[in-house]
Protein backbone atom coordinates (compact mmCIF):
# COMPACT_ATOMS: atom_id res chain seq x y z
CA MET A 1 146.26 112.27 114.16
CA ARG A 2 148.52 114.97 114.68
CA ALA A 3 148.74 117.51 117.43
CA PRO A 4 146.57 120.51 117.89
CA LEU A 5 146.22 122.77 114.78
CA ALA A 6 143.35 124.88 114.67
CA LEU A 7 141.03 122.70 113.00
CA ALA A 8 138.97 119.80 114.19
CA ALA A 9 140.01 116.41 112.75
CA THR A 10 139.82 112.78 113.23
CA CYS A 11 137.40 112.15 113.43
CA VAL A 12 139.51 113.61 116.23
CA ALA A 13 140.68 116.99 116.13
CA VAL A 14 143.48 118.52 114.29
CA SER A 15 144.46 120.51 117.36
CA ALA A 16 148.20 121.24 117.76
CA ALA A 17 149.96 119.72 114.89
CA LEU A 18 147.37 118.06 112.91
CA ALA A 19 145.61 114.82 114.47
CA LEU A 20 146.14 113.26 111.02
CA SER A 21 146.87 109.72 111.14
CA ALA A 22 144.67 107.47 112.95
CA CYS A 23 141.18 108.96 113.09
CA GLY A 24 138.32 108.35 115.60
CA GLY A 25 135.82 109.52 117.94
CA SER A 26 137.43 111.75 120.54
CA LYS A 27 136.58 112.14 123.93
CA LYS A 28 136.89 115.94 123.67
CA SER A 29 133.67 117.22 121.93
CA ASP A 30 135.23 120.18 120.07
CA ASP A 31 137.68 117.71 118.57
CA LYS A 32 135.11 116.36 115.95
CA ILE A 33 134.98 117.11 112.52
CA LYS A 34 131.17 118.13 111.49
CA ASP A 35 131.45 117.33 107.78
CA GLN A 36 129.66 113.99 106.72
CA GLY A 37 131.85 111.36 104.97
CA THR A 38 131.09 109.41 102.04
CA ASP A 39 131.44 105.63 101.54
CA VAL A 40 134.26 104.15 99.73
CA SER A 41 134.88 100.64 97.92
CA THR A 42 136.10 97.87 100.03
CA SER A 43 137.23 95.81 97.06
CA ALA A 44 140.56 94.94 96.52
CA PRO A 45 143.27 98.07 96.47
CA ALA A 46 145.72 99.12 93.68
CA PRO A 47 149.05 99.84 95.32
CA THR A 48 150.09 103.30 95.28
CA THR A 49 153.41 104.45 94.04
CA THR A 50 155.22 107.24 95.71
CA SER A 51 157.79 107.89 98.31
CA ALA A 52 158.92 106.12 101.60
CA ALA A 53 156.34 104.32 103.89
CA PRO A 54 155.65 100.84 102.83
CA SER A 55 152.74 99.25 104.67
CA PRO A 56 153.67 96.75 107.31
CA THR A 57 153.06 93.09 106.27
CA ALA A 58 150.63 90.46 107.83
CA PRO A 59 149.98 86.83 106.90
CA GLY A 60 147.19 86.23 104.46
CA VAL A 61 145.93 88.02 101.61
CA LYS A 62 148.40 90.37 99.83
CA ARG A 63 148.29 93.75 101.46
CA PRO A 64 148.55 97.02 99.38
CA VAL A 65 151.74 99.08 99.22
CA ILE A 66 150.87 102.57 100.94
CA THR A 67 153.58 105.31 100.55
CA LEU A 68 153.83 108.81 102.01
CA PRO A 69 155.57 111.91 100.57
CA SER A 70 159.25 111.97 101.17
CA ASP A 71 158.55 114.75 103.89
CA ALA A 72 156.25 112.56 106.12
CA LYS A 73 156.73 109.68 107.83
CA ASP A 74 154.71 107.27 110.27
CA VAL A 75 157.07 105.13 112.82
CA PHE A 76 155.37 102.32 114.35
CA GLU A 77 157.19 100.69 117.29
CA ASP A 78 156.42 97.35 119.26
CA GLU A 79 155.67 95.51 115.99
CA HIS A 80 156.97 92.10 117.20
CA THR A 81 155.10 90.75 120.22
CA GLY A 82 156.20 87.07 120.14
CA ASP A 83 152.48 86.17 119.22
CA PRO A 84 151.88 86.05 115.41
CA VAL A 85 148.13 86.70 115.70
CA LYS A 86 148.89 89.99 117.72
CA ASP A 87 151.63 90.73 115.20
CA ALA A 88 149.27 90.53 112.43
CA VAL A 89 146.80 92.66 114.01
CA LEU A 90 149.24 95.41 114.76
CA ALA A 91 150.52 95.30 111.23
CA ASP A 92 146.88 95.87 110.16
CA ASN A 93 146.25 98.53 112.53
CA ALA A 94 149.43 100.41 110.90
CA GLY A 95 148.06 99.81 107.52
CA TYR A 96 145.01 101.81 108.82
CA VAL A 97 146.93 104.60 109.87
CA LEU A 98 148.92 104.86 106.63
CA ALA A 99 145.76 104.60 104.44
CA THR A 100 144.04 107.34 106.38
CA ASP A 101 147.29 109.43 105.98
CA GLU A 102 147.27 108.41 102.13
CA GLY A 103 143.82 109.84 101.86
CA ILE A 104 145.19 112.98 103.54
CA PHE A 105 148.09 113.56 101.01
CA LYS A 106 145.75 112.53 97.83
CA GLY A 107 143.03 114.76 98.82
CA LYS A 108 140.40 111.94 98.67
CA THR A 109 140.27 108.41 100.39
CA THR A 110 141.18 105.26 98.27
CA GLU A 111 140.45 101.65 98.34
CA ASN A 112 143.30 101.03 100.61
CA LEU A 113 141.16 102.58 103.47
CA GLY A 114 138.35 100.50 102.60
CA PHE A 115 140.77 97.44 102.91
CA TYR A 116 141.93 98.30 106.22
CA ALA A 117 138.70 99.60 107.75
CA THR A 118 134.82 99.14 107.84
CA GLU A 119 131.96 100.20 109.89
CA LYS A 120 132.81 103.17 112.36
CA GLY A 121 136.44 102.90 111.59
CA LEU A 122 135.75 103.62 108.03
CA ALA A 123 133.33 106.46 108.37
CA ASN A 124 135.32 108.31 110.87
CA ALA A 125 138.35 108.09 108.57
CA ILE A 126 136.47 109.20 105.54
CA THR A 127 134.88 112.21 107.62
CA TYR A 128 138.57 113.10 108.97
CA VAL A 129 140.28 112.99 105.46
CA GLN A 130 137.48 115.12 104.19
CA GLY A 131 137.73 117.63 106.86
CA VAL A 132 141.42 118.07 106.63
CA HIS A 133 141.26 118.36 103.00
CA ALA A 134 138.07 121.12 103.14
CA LYS A 135 141.18 123.23 105.22
CA GLY A 136 143.68 122.83 102.52
CA LEU A 137 146.22 121.04 105.00
CA VAL A 138 148.75 118.19 104.68
CA TRP A 139 151.58 117.69 107.24
CA THR A 140 154.77 117.19 107.32
CA GLY A 141 157.73 115.51 109.66
CA THR A 142 157.52 112.50 111.59
CA VAL A 143 154.59 110.76 113.83
CA ARG A 144 155.84 107.90 116.43
CA PHE A 145 153.41 105.33 117.40
CA PHE A 146 154.21 103.51 120.67
CA ASP A 147 153.27 101.49 123.53
CA ARG A 148 151.13 99.42 121.12
CA LYS A 149 149.18 96.57 122.92
CA VAL A 150 146.80 94.03 121.47
CA THR A 151 144.14 92.10 123.84
CA MET A 152 142.14 89.50 122.14
CA GLU A 153 138.88 89.05 123.06
CA GLY A 154 136.52 86.25 123.75
CA THR A 155 134.55 86.85 120.52
CA GLY A 156 137.68 86.35 118.35
CA ASP A 157 137.76 90.21 117.87
CA ALA A 158 140.76 92.19 119.17
CA SER A 159 141.30 95.69 120.62
CA VAL A 160 144.76 97.84 119.97
CA VAL A 161 145.27 100.66 122.33
CA TYR A 162 148.25 102.82 121.57
CA CYS A 163 150.05 106.19 121.81
CA SER A 164 151.15 108.67 119.25
CA ASP A 165 153.80 111.26 119.42
CA GLU A 166 153.18 114.23 117.29
CA SER A 167 155.71 116.55 118.29
CA LYS A 168 157.88 116.44 115.25
CA ALA A 169 154.63 116.67 112.79
CA PHE A 170 153.56 120.12 111.44
CA PRO A 171 150.60 121.37 109.45
CA LYS A 172 151.60 122.39 105.95
CA HIS A 173 149.36 124.46 103.74
CA VAL A 174 148.65 122.75 100.20
CA LYS A 175 148.67 125.84 98.19
CA THR A 176 151.45 127.96 99.55
CA GLY A 177 153.79 124.98 100.94
CA LYS A 178 153.96 127.08 104.43
CA VAL A 179 154.53 124.85 107.54
CA ASP A 180 153.05 126.02 110.61
CA ASN A 181 155.76 125.28 113.33
CA VAL A 182 153.71 124.34 116.21
CA ALA A 183 155.08 124.19 119.91
CA THR A 184 155.01 121.03 121.56
CA THR A 185 152.72 120.63 124.31
CA SER A 186 150.85 117.85 126.28
CA GLU A 187 148.10 118.10 123.44
CA SER A 188 150.88 116.60 121.00
CA TYR A 189 150.56 113.38 122.56
CA VAL A 190 147.38 111.07 121.97
CA LEU A 191 145.88 107.74 123.24
CA TYR A 192 143.97 105.84 120.90
CA SER A 193 141.60 103.02 121.83
CA THR A 194 140.68 100.68 118.59
CA HIS A 195 138.37 97.66 117.91
CA ALA A 196 139.16 95.17 115.03
CA LYS A 197 137.62 92.34 113.59
CA LYS A 198 139.17 89.88 110.98
CA ASN A 199 137.49 89.66 107.64
CA ALA A 200 137.04 86.52 105.55
CA GLN A 201 140.37 87.52 103.63
CA GLY A 202 142.20 87.29 106.90
CA VAL A 203 142.45 91.33 107.35
CA TRP A 204 142.29 92.76 110.77
CA GLN A 205 139.83 95.80 109.48
CA THR A 206 139.78 98.61 112.14
CA THR A 207 135.88 98.85 113.02
CA ASP A 208 136.07 101.64 115.42
CA ILE A 209 138.39 103.86 117.10
CA VAL A 210 138.44 106.56 119.90
CA SER A 211 141.13 109.10 120.99
CA ASP A 212 142.10 110.99 123.87
CA ARG A 213 144.33 113.81 123.11
CA GLY A 214 146.69 115.06 126.02
CA SER A 215 146.34 111.77 127.86
CA LYS A 216 148.51 111.71 130.85
CA GLN A 217 149.18 107.83 129.70
CA CYS A 218 151.17 108.99 126.64
CA GLN A 219 153.08 112.14 128.05
CA PRO A 220 156.98 111.81 127.90
């Protein structure tokens, strides 16, 4: 997600810059996109071919290579925990974020999103991408994801909690190329709580996500 923008997004809202990267339900009711999403295929994806943000890697099945335009970058901190399982969870979580952003720039969701997400995690991202596309927006700049922590659950599933810093990301109008230089506020920082489940291929798919924009936990 990105900071506020005047459009509800993410499954969260686009309220300050563009809540565009990981999508999900928000604790703020006015942050939700009302558009209904449609399903996408969960079959093996075809890699994309442009710009500069390759997907992180994790063991198991070959992951798709996802690239974003040269003026947009997602930065993922805390990639290495010392635990290979947790590292794999974090890598696939980053893949989910990138696949959602890929949908923003393409104007539609791709098979890569179905590779990294399922259940509510997939439905929310589809709704988010459709809502942003309907507004004629993409984004430019850099979004930093930090304080990324994995907790392994007794069921074998995992939860990932992390923050995003959207202070250097700005909404960009597709038709005109105009960039809205939104000021940095507390709303530029978002706390995410996600759930992930390992599928038969060994991919940690995001099954649900909730966000809290302006969370004190993520403030600088």
